[in-house]
Full PDB file with SEQRES, HELIX, SHEET, SSBOND, CRYST1, ORIGX, SCALE, CONECT and MASTER records, all heavy atoms in Angstrom:
SEQRES   1 A   39  PRO GLU TRP GLU LEU PHE GLU ASN PHE TYR ALA ASP MET          
SEQRES   2 A   39  GLY PRO THR TYR GLN GLU GLY LEU SER ILE GLY ARG ILE          
SEQRES   3 A   39  ASP ASN ASP GLY PRO TYR CYS LYS GLU ASN CYS LYS TRP          
HELIX    1 AA1 GLU A    2  GLU A    4  5                                   3    
HELIX    2 AA2 PHE A    6  MET A   13  1                                   8    
HELIX    3 AA3 GLY A   14  THR A   16  5                                   3    
HELIX    4 AA4 LYS A   34  ASN A   36  5                                   3    
CRYST1    1.000    1.000    1.000  90.00  90.00  90.00 P 1           1          
ORIGX1      1.000000  0.000000  0.000000        0.00000                         
ORIGX2      0.000000  1.000000  0.000000        0.00000                         
ORIGX3      0.000000  0.000000  1.000000        0.00000                         
SCALE1      1.000000  0.000000  0.000000        0.00000                         
SCALE2      0.000000  1.000000  0.000000        0.00000                         
SCALE3      0.000000  0.000000  1.000000        0.00000                         
ATOM      1  N   PRO A   1      -0.249 -11.189  -2.704  1.00  0.00           N  
ATOM      2  CA  PRO A   1       0.613 -11.706  -3.666  1.00  0.00           C  
ATOM      3  C   PRO A   1       0.669 -10.890  -4.840  1.00  0.00           C  
ATOM      4  O   PRO A   1       1.859 -10.798  -5.428  1.00  0.00           O  
ATOM      5  CB  PRO A   1      -0.061 -13.152  -4.129  1.00  0.00           C  
ATOM      6  CG  PRO A   1      -0.914 -13.469  -2.915  1.00  0.00           C  
ATOM      7  CD  PRO A   1      -1.390 -12.186  -2.278  1.00  0.00           C  
ATOM      8  N   GLU A   2      -0.184 -10.008  -5.222  1.00  0.00           N  
ATOM      9  CA  GLU A   2      -0.088  -9.098  -6.347  1.00  0.00           C  
ATOM     10  C   GLU A   2       1.023  -8.115  -6.172  1.00  0.00           C  
ATOM     11  O   GLU A   2       1.536  -7.618  -7.136  1.00  0.00           O  
ATOM     12  CB  GLU A   2      -1.473  -8.430  -6.557  1.00  0.00           C  
ATOM     13  CG  GLU A   2      -2.511  -9.243  -7.024  1.00  0.00           C  
ATOM     14  CD  GLU A   2      -3.339 -10.142  -5.990  1.00  0.00           C  
ATOM     15  OE1 GLU A   2      -3.032  -9.895  -4.870  1.00  0.00           O  
ATOM     16  OE2 GLU A   2      -4.031 -11.056  -6.403  1.00  0.00           O  
ATOM     17  N   TRP A   3       1.313  -7.865  -4.937  1.00  0.00           N  
ATOM     18  CA  TRP A   3       2.371  -6.856  -4.545  1.00  0.00           C  
ATOM     19  C   TRP A   3       3.787  -7.436  -4.818  1.00  0.00           C  
ATOM     20  O   TRP A   3       4.704  -6.745  -4.496  1.00  0.00           O  
ATOM     21  CB  TRP A   3       2.143  -6.141  -3.285  1.00  0.00           C  
ATOM     22  CG  TRP A   3       1.064  -5.158  -3.219  1.00  0.00           C  
ATOM     23  CD1 TRP A   3       0.194  -4.871  -4.309  1.00  0.00           C  
ATOM     24  CD2 TRP A   3       0.664  -4.299  -2.309  1.00  0.00           C  
ATOM     25  NE1 TRP A   3      -0.699  -3.923  -4.026  1.00  0.00           N  
ATOM     26  CE2 TRP A   3      -0.488  -3.515  -2.735  1.00  0.00           C  
ATOM     27  CE3 TRP A   3       1.111  -4.024  -0.960  1.00  0.00           C  
ATOM     28  CZ2 TRP A   3      -1.090  -2.640  -1.809  1.00  0.00           C  
ATOM     29  CZ3 TRP A   3       0.516  -3.159  -0.138  1.00  0.00           C  
ATOM     30  CH2 TRP A   3      -0.490  -2.381  -0.612  1.00  0.00           C  
ATOM     31  N   GLU A   4       3.826  -8.624  -5.113  1.00  0.00           N  
ATOM     32  CA  GLU A   4       5.105  -9.226  -5.380  1.00  0.00           C  
ATOM     33  C   GLU A   4       5.895  -8.467  -6.512  1.00  0.00           C  
ATOM     34  O   GLU A   4       7.068  -8.352  -6.524  1.00  0.00           O  
ATOM     35  CB  GLU A   4       5.057 -10.745  -5.794  1.00  0.00           C  
ATOM     36  CG  GLU A   4       6.301 -11.453  -5.786  1.00  0.00           C  
ATOM     37  CD  GLU A   4       7.023 -11.467  -4.418  1.00  0.00           C  
ATOM     38  OE1 GLU A   4       6.492 -11.693  -3.468  1.00  0.00           O  
ATOM     39  OE2 GLU A   4       8.375 -11.490  -4.456  1.00  0.00           O  
ATOM     40  N   LEU A   5       5.040  -7.903  -7.375  1.00  0.00           N  
ATOM     41  CA  LEU A   5       5.421  -7.116  -8.468  1.00  0.00           C  
ATOM     42  C   LEU A   5       5.340  -5.657  -8.152  1.00  0.00           C  
ATOM     43  O   LEU A   5       4.205  -5.143  -7.765  1.00  0.00           O  
ATOM     44  CB  LEU A   5       4.820  -7.375  -9.774  1.00  0.00           C  
ATOM     45  CG  LEU A   5       4.912  -8.784 -10.436  1.00  0.00           C  
ATOM     46  CD1 LEU A   5       3.930  -9.029 -11.477  1.00  0.00           C  
ATOM     47  CD2 LEU A   5       6.378  -8.968 -10.780  1.00  0.00           C  
ATOM     48  N   PHE A   6       6.462  -4.892  -8.279  1.00  0.00           N  
ATOM     49  CA  PHE A   6       6.313  -3.519  -8.020  1.00  0.00           C  
ATOM     50  C   PHE A   6       5.345  -2.761  -8.791  1.00  0.00           C  
ATOM     51  O   PHE A   6       4.655  -1.834  -8.307  1.00  0.00           O  
ATOM     52  CB  PHE A   6       7.781  -2.821  -8.273  1.00  0.00           C  
ATOM     53  CG  PHE A   6       7.698  -1.286  -8.073  1.00  0.00           C  
ATOM     54  CD1 PHE A   6       7.692  -0.746  -6.870  1.00  0.00           C  
ATOM     55  CD2 PHE A   6       7.706  -0.429  -9.165  1.00  0.00           C  
ATOM     56  CE1 PHE A   6       7.601   0.572  -6.626  1.00  0.00           C  
ATOM     57  CE2 PHE A   6       7.525   0.885  -8.988  1.00  0.00           C  
ATOM     58  CZ  PHE A   6       7.700   1.441  -7.808  1.00  0.00           C  
ATOM     59  N   GLU A   7       5.170  -3.071  -9.999  1.00  0.00           N  
ATOM     60  CA  GLU A   7       4.009  -2.477 -10.816  1.00  0.00           C  
ATOM     61  C   GLU A   7       2.718  -2.414 -10.241  1.00  0.00           C  
ATOM     62  O   GLU A   7       1.860  -1.607 -10.477  1.00  0.00           O  
ATOM     63  CB  GLU A   7       4.187  -3.040 -12.341  1.00  0.00           C  
ATOM     64  CG  GLU A   7       5.371  -2.839 -13.081  1.00  0.00           C  
ATOM     65  CD  GLU A   7       6.541  -3.768 -12.623  1.00  0.00           C  
ATOM     66  OE1 GLU A   7       6.364  -4.678 -12.021  1.00  0.00           O  
ATOM     67  OE2 GLU A   7       7.753  -3.434 -13.128  1.00  0.00           O  
ATOM     68  N   ASN A   8       2.332  -3.648  -9.689  1.00  0.00           N  
ATOM     69  CA  ASN A   8       1.077  -3.750  -9.006  1.00  0.00           C  
ATOM     70  C   ASN A   8       0.905  -2.969  -7.873  1.00  0.00           C  
ATOM     71  O   ASN A   8      -0.146  -2.379  -7.496  1.00  0.00           O  
ATOM     72  CB  ASN A   8       0.801  -5.303  -8.777  1.00  0.00           C  
ATOM     73  CG  ASN A   8       0.706  -6.086  -9.954  1.00  0.00           C  
ATOM     74  OD1 ASN A   8       0.425  -5.570 -11.115  1.00  0.00           O  
ATOM     75  ND2 ASN A   8       0.920  -7.343  -9.852  1.00  0.00           N  
ATOM     76  N   PHE A   9       1.958  -2.867  -7.059  1.00  0.00           N  
ATOM     77  CA  PHE A   9       1.926  -1.944  -5.761  1.00  0.00           C  
ATOM     78  C   PHE A   9       1.775  -0.625  -6.267  1.00  0.00           C  
ATOM     79  O   PHE A   9       1.007   0.164  -5.707  1.00  0.00           O  
ATOM     80  CB  PHE A   9       3.286  -2.227  -5.070  1.00  0.00           C  
ATOM     81  CG  PHE A   9       3.462  -1.294  -3.857  1.00  0.00           C  
ATOM     82  CD1 PHE A   9       2.683  -1.522  -2.774  1.00  0.00           C  
ATOM     83  CD2 PHE A   9       4.433  -0.309  -3.985  1.00  0.00           C  
ATOM     84  CE1 PHE A   9       2.891  -0.552  -1.599  1.00  0.00           C  
ATOM     85  CE2 PHE A   9       4.621   0.592  -2.836  1.00  0.00           C  
ATOM     86  CZ  PHE A   9       3.811   0.417  -1.630  1.00  0.00           C  
ATOM     87  N   TYR A  10       2.582  -0.231  -7.331  1.00  0.00           N  
ATOM     88  CA  TYR A  10       2.470   1.138  -7.793  1.00  0.00           C  
ATOM     89  C   TYR A  10       1.089   1.472  -8.299  1.00  0.00           C  
ATOM     90  O   TYR A  10       0.559   2.531  -7.978  1.00  0.00           O  
ATOM     91  CB  TYR A  10       3.445   1.424  -8.854  1.00  0.00           C  
ATOM     92  CG  TYR A  10       3.632   2.866  -9.325  1.00  0.00           C  
ATOM     93  CD1 TYR A  10       4.349   3.764  -8.675  1.00  0.00           C  
ATOM     94  CD2 TYR A  10       2.847   3.321 -10.412  1.00  0.00           C  
ATOM     95  CE1 TYR A  10       4.297   5.058  -8.887  1.00  0.00           C  
ATOM     96  CE2 TYR A  10       2.861   4.636 -10.776  1.00  0.00           C  
ATOM     97  CZ  TYR A  10       3.562   5.536 -10.080  1.00  0.00           C  
ATOM     98  OH  TYR A  10       3.581   6.904 -10.464  1.00  0.00           O  
ATOM     99  N   ALA A  11       0.414   0.511  -9.085  1.00  0.00           N  
ATOM    100  CA  ALA A  11      -0.995   0.896  -9.480  1.00  0.00           C  
ATOM    101  C   ALA A  11      -1.910   0.906  -8.416  1.00  0.00           C  
ATOM    102  O   ALA A  11      -2.756   1.782  -8.402  1.00  0.00           O  
ATOM    103  CB  ALA A  11      -1.352  -0.362 -10.384  1.00  0.00           C  
ATOM    104  N   ASP A  12      -1.693   0.261  -7.330  1.00  0.00           N  
ATOM    105  CA  ASP A  12      -2.647   0.330  -6.159  1.00  0.00           C  
ATOM    106  C   ASP A  12      -2.424   1.560  -5.350  1.00  0.00           C  
ATOM    107  O   ASP A  12      -3.393   2.253  -4.790  1.00  0.00           O  
ATOM    108  CB  ASP A  12      -2.642  -0.921  -5.333  1.00  0.00           C  
ATOM    109  CG  ASP A  12      -3.274  -2.043  -5.991  1.00  0.00           C  
ATOM    110  OD1 ASP A  12      -4.027  -1.920  -6.901  1.00  0.00           O  
ATOM    111  OD2 ASP A  12      -3.069  -3.272  -5.417  1.00  0.00           O  
ATOM    112  N   MET A  13      -1.146   1.869  -5.034  1.00  0.00           N  
ATOM    113  CA  MET A  13      -0.822   2.812  -3.914  1.00  0.00           C  
ATOM    114  C   MET A  13      -0.170   4.190  -4.506  1.00  0.00           C  
ATOM    115  O   MET A  13      -0.186   5.115  -3.797  1.00  0.00           O  
ATOM    116  CB  MET A  13       0.007   2.327  -2.879  1.00  0.00           C  
ATOM    117  CG  MET A  13      -0.392   1.045  -2.095  1.00  0.00           C  
ATOM    118  SD  MET A  13      -2.111   1.380  -1.287  1.00  0.00           S  
ATOM    119  CE  MET A  13      -1.647   2.489  -0.058  1.00  0.00           C  
ATOM    120  N   GLY A  14       0.315   4.127  -5.668  1.00  0.00           N  
ATOM    121  CA  GLY A  14       0.991   5.186  -6.409  1.00  0.00           C  
ATOM    122  C   GLY A  14       0.201   6.427  -6.470  1.00  0.00           C  
ATOM    123  O   GLY A  14       0.728   7.590  -6.114  1.00  0.00           O  
ATOM    124  N   PRO A  15      -1.134   6.336  -6.800  1.00  0.00           N  
ATOM    125  CA  PRO A  15      -1.922   7.682  -7.081  1.00  0.00           C  
ATOM    126  C   PRO A  15      -1.999   8.523  -5.802  1.00  0.00           C  
ATOM    127  O   PRO A  15      -2.271   9.703  -5.910  1.00  0.00           O  
ATOM    128  CB  PRO A  15      -3.186   7.040  -7.572  1.00  0.00           C  
ATOM    129  CG  PRO A  15      -2.965   5.822  -8.198  1.00  0.00           C  
ATOM    130  CD  PRO A  15      -1.774   5.167  -7.389  1.00  0.00           C  
ATOM    131  N   THR A  16      -1.968   7.869  -4.534  1.00  0.00           N  
ATOM    132  CA  THR A  16      -2.170   8.695  -3.404  1.00  0.00           C  
ATOM    133  C   THR A  16      -0.907   8.960  -2.611  1.00  0.00           C  
ATOM    134  O   THR A  16      -0.933   9.520  -1.578  1.00  0.00           O  
ATOM    135  CB  THR A  16      -3.221   7.898  -2.436  1.00  0.00           C  
ATOM    136  OG1 THR A  16      -2.667   6.497  -2.187  1.00  0.00           O  
ATOM    137  CG2 THR A  16      -4.540   7.776  -3.091  1.00  0.00           C  
ATOM    138  N   TYR A  17       0.258   8.387  -3.205  1.00  0.00           N  
ATOM    139  CA  TYR A  17       1.543   8.589  -2.454  1.00  0.00           C  
ATOM    140  C   TYR A  17       1.954  10.103  -2.477  1.00  0.00           C  
ATOM    141  O   TYR A  17       1.830  10.778  -3.425  1.00  0.00           O  
ATOM    142  CB  TYR A  17       2.662   7.782  -3.190  1.00  0.00           C  
ATOM    143  CG  TYR A  17       4.001   7.932  -2.553  1.00  0.00           C  
ATOM    144  CD1 TYR A  17       4.243   7.469  -1.307  1.00  0.00           C  
ATOM    145  CD2 TYR A  17       5.008   8.538  -3.313  1.00  0.00           C  
ATOM    146  CE1 TYR A  17       5.501   7.599  -0.818  1.00  0.00           C  
ATOM    147  CE2 TYR A  17       6.261   8.812  -2.664  1.00  0.00           C  
ATOM    148  CZ  TYR A  17       6.519   8.234  -1.638  1.00  0.00           C  
ATOM    149  OH  TYR A  17       7.835   8.469  -0.965  1.00  0.00           O  
ATOM    150  N   GLN A  18       2.606  10.432  -1.351  1.00  0.00           N  
ATOM    151  CA  GLN A  18       3.223  11.762  -1.271  1.00  0.00           C  
ATOM    152  C   GLN A  18       4.621  11.529  -0.485  1.00  0.00           C  
ATOM    153  O   GLN A  18       4.687  10.734   0.452  1.00  0.00           O  
ATOM    154  CB  GLN A  18       2.415  12.708  -0.255  1.00  0.00           C  
ATOM    155  CG  GLN A  18       0.964  13.045  -0.872  1.00  0.00           C  
ATOM    156  CD  GLN A  18       0.106  13.994   0.128  1.00  0.00           C  
ATOM    157  OE1 GLN A  18       0.821  14.656   0.943  1.00  0.00           O  
ATOM    158  NE2 GLN A  18      -1.122  13.913  -0.095  1.00  0.00           N  
ATOM    159  N   GLU A  19       5.566  12.217  -1.081  1.00  0.00           N  
ATOM    160  CA  GLU A  19       6.927  12.055  -0.452  1.00  0.00           C  
ATOM    161  C   GLU A  19       6.897  12.437   1.019  1.00  0.00           C  
ATOM    162  O   GLU A  19       6.176  13.242   1.633  1.00  0.00           O  
ATOM    163  CB  GLU A  19       7.920  13.136  -1.139  1.00  0.00           C  
ATOM    164  CG  GLU A  19       9.400  12.867  -0.779  1.00  0.00           C  
ATOM    165  CD  GLU A  19       9.821  11.502  -1.422  1.00  0.00           C  
ATOM    166  OE1 GLU A  19       9.549  11.198  -2.327  1.00  0.00           O  
ATOM    167  OE2 GLU A  19      10.783  11.040  -0.626  1.00  0.00           O  
ATOM    168  N   GLY A  20       7.599  11.555   1.766  1.00  0.00           N  
ATOM    169  CA  GLY A  20       7.640  11.778   3.249  1.00  0.00           C  
ATOM    170  C   GLY A  20       6.655  11.034   4.003  1.00  0.00           C  
ATOM    171  O   GLY A  20       6.697  10.846   5.192  1.00  0.00           O  
ATOM    172  N   LEU A  21       5.700  10.340   3.429  1.00  0.00           N  
ATOM    173  CA  LEU A  21       4.736   9.591   4.098  1.00  0.00           C  
ATOM    174  C   LEU A  21       5.211   8.083   4.093  1.00  0.00           C  
ATOM    175  O   LEU A  21       6.007   7.615   3.277  1.00  0.00           O  
ATOM    176  CB  LEU A  21       3.391   9.625   3.543  1.00  0.00           C  
ATOM    177  CG  LEU A  21       2.690  11.023   3.537  1.00  0.00           C  
ATOM    178  CD1 LEU A  21       1.234  10.818   2.955  1.00  0.00           C  
ATOM    179  CD2 LEU A  21       2.605  11.532   4.925  1.00  0.00           C  
ATOM    180  N   SER A  22       4.764   7.339   5.141  1.00  0.00           N  
ATOM    181  CA  SER A  22       5.021   5.835   5.078  1.00  0.00           C  
ATOM    182  C   SER A  22       3.691   5.098   4.915  1.00  0.00           C  
ATOM    183  O   SER A  22       2.728   5.634   5.195  1.00  0.00           O  
ATOM    184  CB  SER A  22       5.701   5.558   6.404  1.00  0.00           C  
ATOM    185  OG  SER A  22       5.037   5.850   7.483  1.00  0.00           O  
ATOM    186  N   ILE A  23       3.862   3.761   4.666  1.00  0.00           N  
ATOM    187  CA  ILE A  23       2.642   2.983   4.443  1.00  0.00           C  
ATOM    188  C   ILE A  23       2.264   2.429   5.820  1.00  0.00           C  
ATOM    189  O   ILE A  23       3.161   1.979   6.593  1.00  0.00           O  
ATOM    190  CB  ILE A  23       2.903   1.834   3.460  1.00  0.00           C  
ATOM    191  CG1 ILE A  23       1.547   1.359   2.964  1.00  0.00           C  
ATOM    192  CG2 ILE A  23       3.815   0.830   3.960  1.00  0.00           C  
ATOM    193  CD1 ILE A  23       1.612   0.592   1.673  1.00  0.00           C  
ATOM    194  N   GLY A  24       1.028   2.501   6.036  1.00  0.00           N  
ATOM    195  CA  GLY A  24       0.477   1.888   7.332  1.00  0.00           C  
ATOM    196  C   GLY A  24      -0.829   1.116   7.032  1.00  0.00           C  
ATOM    197  O   GLY A  24      -1.365   1.323   6.066  1.00  0.00           O  
ATOM    198  N   ARG A  25      -0.916   0.208   7.958  1.00  0.00           N  
ATOM    199  CA  ARG A  25      -2.085  -0.800   7.872  1.00  0.00           C  
ATOM    200  C   ARG A  25      -3.315  -0.228   8.642  1.00  0.00           C  
ATOM    201  O   ARG A  25      -3.044   0.201   9.835  1.00  0.00           O  
ATOM    202  CB  ARG A  25      -1.700  -2.198   8.149  1.00  0.00           C  
ATOM    203  CG  ARG A  25      -0.922  -2.820   7.106  1.00  0.00           C  
ATOM    204  CD  ARG A  25      -0.208  -4.190   7.588  1.00  0.00           C  
ATOM    205  NE  ARG A  25       0.855  -3.828   8.569  1.00  0.00           N  
ATOM    206  CZ  ARG A  25       0.822  -4.218   9.937  1.00  0.00           C  
ATOM    207  NH1 ARG A  25      -0.168  -5.073  10.216  1.00  0.00           N  
ATOM    208  NH2 ARG A  25       1.693  -3.899  10.755  1.00  0.00           N  
ATOM    209  N   ILE A  26      -4.437  -0.224   8.157  1.00  0.00           N  
ATOM    210  CA  ILE A  26      -5.586   0.180   8.903  1.00  0.00           C  
ATOM    211  C   ILE A  26      -5.896  -0.718  10.035  1.00  0.00           C  
ATOM    212  O   ILE A  26      -6.073  -0.381  11.289  1.00  0.00           O  
ATOM    213  CB  ILE A  26      -6.823   0.308   7.966  1.00  0.00           C  
ATOM    214  CG1 ILE A  26      -6.515   1.363   6.889  1.00  0.00           C  
ATOM    215  CG2 ILE A  26      -8.084   0.607   8.689  1.00  0.00           C  
ATOM    216  CD1 ILE A  26      -7.460   1.362   5.587  1.00  0.00           C  
ATOM    217  N   ASP A  27      -5.841  -2.027   9.821  1.00  0.00           N  
ATOM    218  CA  ASP A  27      -5.885  -3.033  10.922  1.00  0.00           C  
ATOM    219  C   ASP A  27      -4.486  -3.542  11.064  1.00  0.00           C  
ATOM    220  O   ASP A  27      -3.892  -4.244  10.175  1.00  0.00           O  
ATOM    221  CB  ASP A  27      -6.826  -4.154  10.312  1.00  0.00           C  
ATOM    222  CG  ASP A  27      -6.837  -5.475  11.291  1.00  0.00           C  
ATOM    223  OD1 ASP A  27      -6.245  -5.426  12.345  1.00  0.00           O  
ATOM    224  OD2 ASP A  27      -7.451  -6.483  10.921  1.00  0.00           O  
ATOM    225  N   ASN A  28      -3.950  -3.358  12.139  1.00  0.00           N  
ATOM    226  CA  ASN A  28      -2.382  -3.651  12.462  1.00  0.00           C  
ATOM    227  C   ASN A  28      -2.296  -5.218  12.455  1.00  0.00           C  
ATOM    228  O   ASN A  28      -1.145  -5.576  12.405  1.00  0.00           O  
ATOM    229  CB  ASN A  28      -2.039  -3.051  13.863  1.00  0.00           C  
ATOM    230  CG  ASN A  28      -1.519  -1.791  13.670  1.00  0.00           C  
ATOM    231  OD1 ASN A  28      -1.193  -1.414  12.630  1.00  0.00           O  
ATOM    232  ND2 ASN A  28      -1.411  -0.940  14.823  1.00  0.00           N  
ATOM    233  N   ASP A  29      -3.322  -5.897  12.559  1.00  0.00           N  
ATOM    234  CA  ASP A  29      -3.147  -7.423  12.486  1.00  0.00           C  
ATOM    235  C   ASP A  29      -3.443  -8.016  11.046  1.00  0.00           C  
ATOM    236  O   ASP A  29      -3.406  -9.108  10.856  1.00  0.00           O  
ATOM    237  CB  ASP A  29      -4.045  -8.114  13.496  1.00  0.00           C  
ATOM    238  CG  ASP A  29      -3.745  -7.700  14.900  1.00  0.00           C  
ATOM    239  OD1 ASP A  29      -2.428  -7.699  15.197  1.00  0.00           O  
ATOM    240  OD2 ASP A  29      -4.597  -7.561  15.675  1.00  0.00           O  
ATOM    241  N   GLY A  30      -3.800  -7.003  10.157  1.00  0.00           N  
ATOM    242  CA  GLY A  30      -4.108  -7.465   8.699  1.00  0.00           C  
ATOM    243  C   GLY A  30      -2.929  -7.304   7.791  1.00  0.00           C  
ATOM    244  O   GLY A  30      -1.859  -6.860   8.116  1.00  0.00           O  
ATOM    245  N   PRO A  31      -3.110  -7.799   6.644  1.00  0.00           N  
ATOM    246  CA  PRO A  31      -1.997  -7.951   5.650  1.00  0.00           C  
ATOM    247  C   PRO A  31      -1.810  -6.426   5.010  1.00  0.00           C  
ATOM    248  O   PRO A  31      -2.569  -5.625   5.029  1.00  0.00           O  
ATOM    249  CB  PRO A  31      -2.439  -8.778   4.660  1.00  0.00           C  
ATOM    250  CG  PRO A  31      -3.875  -8.677   4.619  1.00  0.00           C  
ATOM    251  CD  PRO A  31      -4.371  -8.385   6.095  1.00  0.00           C  
ATOM    252  N   TYR A  32      -0.733  -6.333   4.274  1.00  0.00           N  
ATOM    253  CA  TYR A  32      -0.470  -5.129   3.411  1.00  0.00           C  
ATOM    254  C   TYR A  32      -1.258  -5.474   2.198  1.00  0.00           C  
ATOM    255  O   TYR A  32      -0.879  -6.503   1.399  1.00  0.00           O  
ATOM    256  CB  TYR A  32       1.010  -4.961   3.105  1.00  0.00           C  
ATOM    257  CG  TYR A  32       1.760  -4.437   4.190  1.00  0.00           C  
ATOM    258  CD1 TYR A  32       2.548  -5.155   5.178  1.00  0.00           C  
ATOM    259  CD2 TYR A  32       1.797  -3.090   4.431  1.00  0.00           C  
ATOM    260  CE1 TYR A  32       3.310  -4.608   6.120  1.00  0.00           C  
ATOM    261  CE2 TYR A  32       2.561  -2.454   5.446  1.00  0.00           C  
ATOM    262  CZ  TYR A  32       3.281  -3.258   6.335  1.00  0.00           C  
ATOM    263  OH  TYR A  32       3.963  -2.685   7.289  1.00  0.00           O  
ATOM    264  N   CYS A  33      -2.270  -4.788   1.842  1.00  0.00           N  
ATOM    265  CA  CYS A  33      -3.079  -4.745   0.655  1.00  0.00           C  
ATOM    266  C   CYS A  33      -3.787  -3.470   0.354  1.00  0.00           C  
ATOM    267  O   CYS A  33      -3.895  -2.632   1.387  1.00  0.00           O  
ATOM    268  CB  CYS A  33      -4.005  -5.997   0.610  1.00  0.00           C  
ATOM    269  SG  CYS A  33      -5.269  -5.797   1.862  1.00  0.00           S  
ATOM    270  N   LYS A  34      -4.237  -3.194  -0.846  1.00  0.00           N  
ATOM    271  CA  LYS A  34      -4.735  -1.989  -1.139  1.00  0.00           C  
ATOM    272  C   LYS A  34      -6.038  -1.605  -0.142  1.00  0.00           C  
ATOM    273  O   LYS A  34      -6.063  -0.464   0.317  1.00  0.00           O  
ATOM    274  CB  LYS A  34      -5.338  -2.080  -2.482  1.00  0.00           C  
ATOM    275  CG  LYS A  34      -6.097  -0.706  -3.008  1.00  0.00           C  
ATOM    276  CD  LYS A  34      -6.514  -0.931  -4.449  1.00  0.00           C  
ATOM    277  CE  LYS A  34      -7.115   0.485  -4.808  1.00  0.00           C  
ATOM    278  NZ  LYS A  34      -7.608   0.457  -6.180  1.00  0.00           N  
ATOM    279  N   GLU A  35      -6.780  -2.644   0.174  1.00  0.00           N  
ATOM    280  CA  GLU A  35      -7.903  -2.258   1.054  1.00  0.00           C  
ATOM    281  C   GLU A  35      -7.563  -2.059   2.549  1.00  0.00           C  
ATOM    282  O   GLU A  35      -8.285  -1.465   3.360  1.00  0.00           O  
ATOM    283  CB  GLU A  35      -8.910  -3.456   1.059  1.00  0.00           C  
ATOM    284  CG  GLU A  35      -9.439  -3.880  -0.292  1.00  0.00           C  
ATOM    285  CD  GLU A  35      -8.598  -4.450  -1.266  1.00  0.00           C  
ATOM    286  OE1 GLU A  35      -7.502  -5.134  -0.717  1.00  0.00           O  
ATOM    287  OE2 GLU A  35      -8.712  -4.442  -2.505  1.00  0.00           O  
ATOM    288  N   ASN A  36      -6.392  -2.396   2.973  1.00  0.00           N  
ATOM    289  CA  ASN A  36      -6.035  -2.323   4.427  1.00  0.00           C  
ATOM    290  C   ASN A  36      -4.756  -1.340   4.492  1.00  0.00           C  
ATOM    291  O   ASN A  36      -4.213  -1.217   5.720  1.00  0.00           O  
ATOM    292  CB  ASN A  36      -5.573  -3.698   4.850  1.00  0.00           C  
ATOM    293  CG  ASN A  36      -5.450  -3.629   6.420  1.00  0.00           C  
ATOM    294  OD1 ASN A  36      -6.195  -3.011   7.186  1.00  0.00           O  
ATOM    295  ND2 ASN A  36      -4.377  -4.309   6.947  1.00  0.00           N  
ATOM    296  N   CYS A  37      -4.406  -0.586   3.446  1.00  0.00           N  
ATOM    297  CA  CYS A  37      -3.252   0.270   3.541  1.00  0.00           C  
ATOM    298  C   CYS A  37      -3.668   1.741   3.303  1.00  0.00           C  
ATOM    299  O   CYS A  37      -4.628   2.027   2.517  1.00  0.00           O  
ATOM    300  CB  CYS A  37      -2.109  -0.097   2.639  1.00  0.00           C  
ATOM    301  SG  CYS A  37      -1.313  -1.630   3.214  1.00  0.00           S  
ATOM    302  N   LYS A  38      -2.886   2.745   3.863  1.00  0.00           N  
ATOM    303  CA  LYS A  38      -2.950   4.114   3.648  1.00  0.00           C  
ATOM    304  C   LYS A  38      -1.595   4.706   3.868  1.00  0.00           C  
ATOM    305  O   LYS A  38      -0.821   4.061   4.615  1.00  0.00           O  
ATOM    306  CB  LYS A  38      -4.045   4.699   4.575  1.00  0.00           C  
ATOM    307  CG  LYS A  38      -3.755   4.567   6.009  1.00  0.00           C  
ATOM    308  CD  LYS A  38      -4.855   5.157   6.887  1.00  0.00           C  
ATOM    309  CE  LYS A  38      -4.585   5.042   8.370  1.00  0.00           C  
ATOM    310  NZ  LYS A  38      -5.443   5.587   9.186  1.00  0.00           N  
ATOM    311  N   TRP A  39      -1.517   5.898   3.540  1.00  0.00           N  
ATOM    312  CA  TRP A  39      -0.245   6.675   3.638  1.00  0.00           C  
ATOM    313  C   TRP A  39      -0.440   7.479   4.966  1.00  0.00           C  
ATOM    314  O   TRP A  39      -1.443   8.027   5.134  1.00  0.00           O  
ATOM    315  CB  TRP A  39       0.007   7.545   2.375  1.00  0.00           C  
ATOM    316  CG  TRP A  39       0.277   6.724   1.233  1.00  0.00           C  
ATOM    317  CD1 TRP A  39      -0.452   6.614   0.058  1.00  0.00           C  
ATOM    318  CD2 TRP A  39       1.359   5.879   0.938  1.00  0.00           C  
ATOM    319  NE1 TRP A  39       0.033   5.702  -0.769  1.00  0.00           N  
ATOM    320  CE2 TRP A  39       1.261   5.276  -0.444  1.00  0.00           C  
ATOM    321  CE3 TRP A  39       2.682   5.559   1.636  1.00  0.00           C  
ATOM    322  CZ2 TRP A  39       2.212   4.415  -0.789  1.00  0.00           C  
ATOM    323  CZ3 TRP A  39       3.511   4.778   1.019  1.00  0.00           C  
ATOM    324  CH2 TRP A  39       3.340   4.171  -0.215  1.00  0.00           C  
TER     325      TRP A  39                                                      
MASTER        0    0    0    4    0    0    0    6  324    1    0    3          
END                                                                             
């Protein structure tokens, strides 16, 4: 729910973002959240 706001998504995932990468979930059955996502 925190990612409803772009600013929260940016705070969690922005520091590791690189152009050309896409967001992926570590556990494919889990939610999109800081602990379960990587570029």
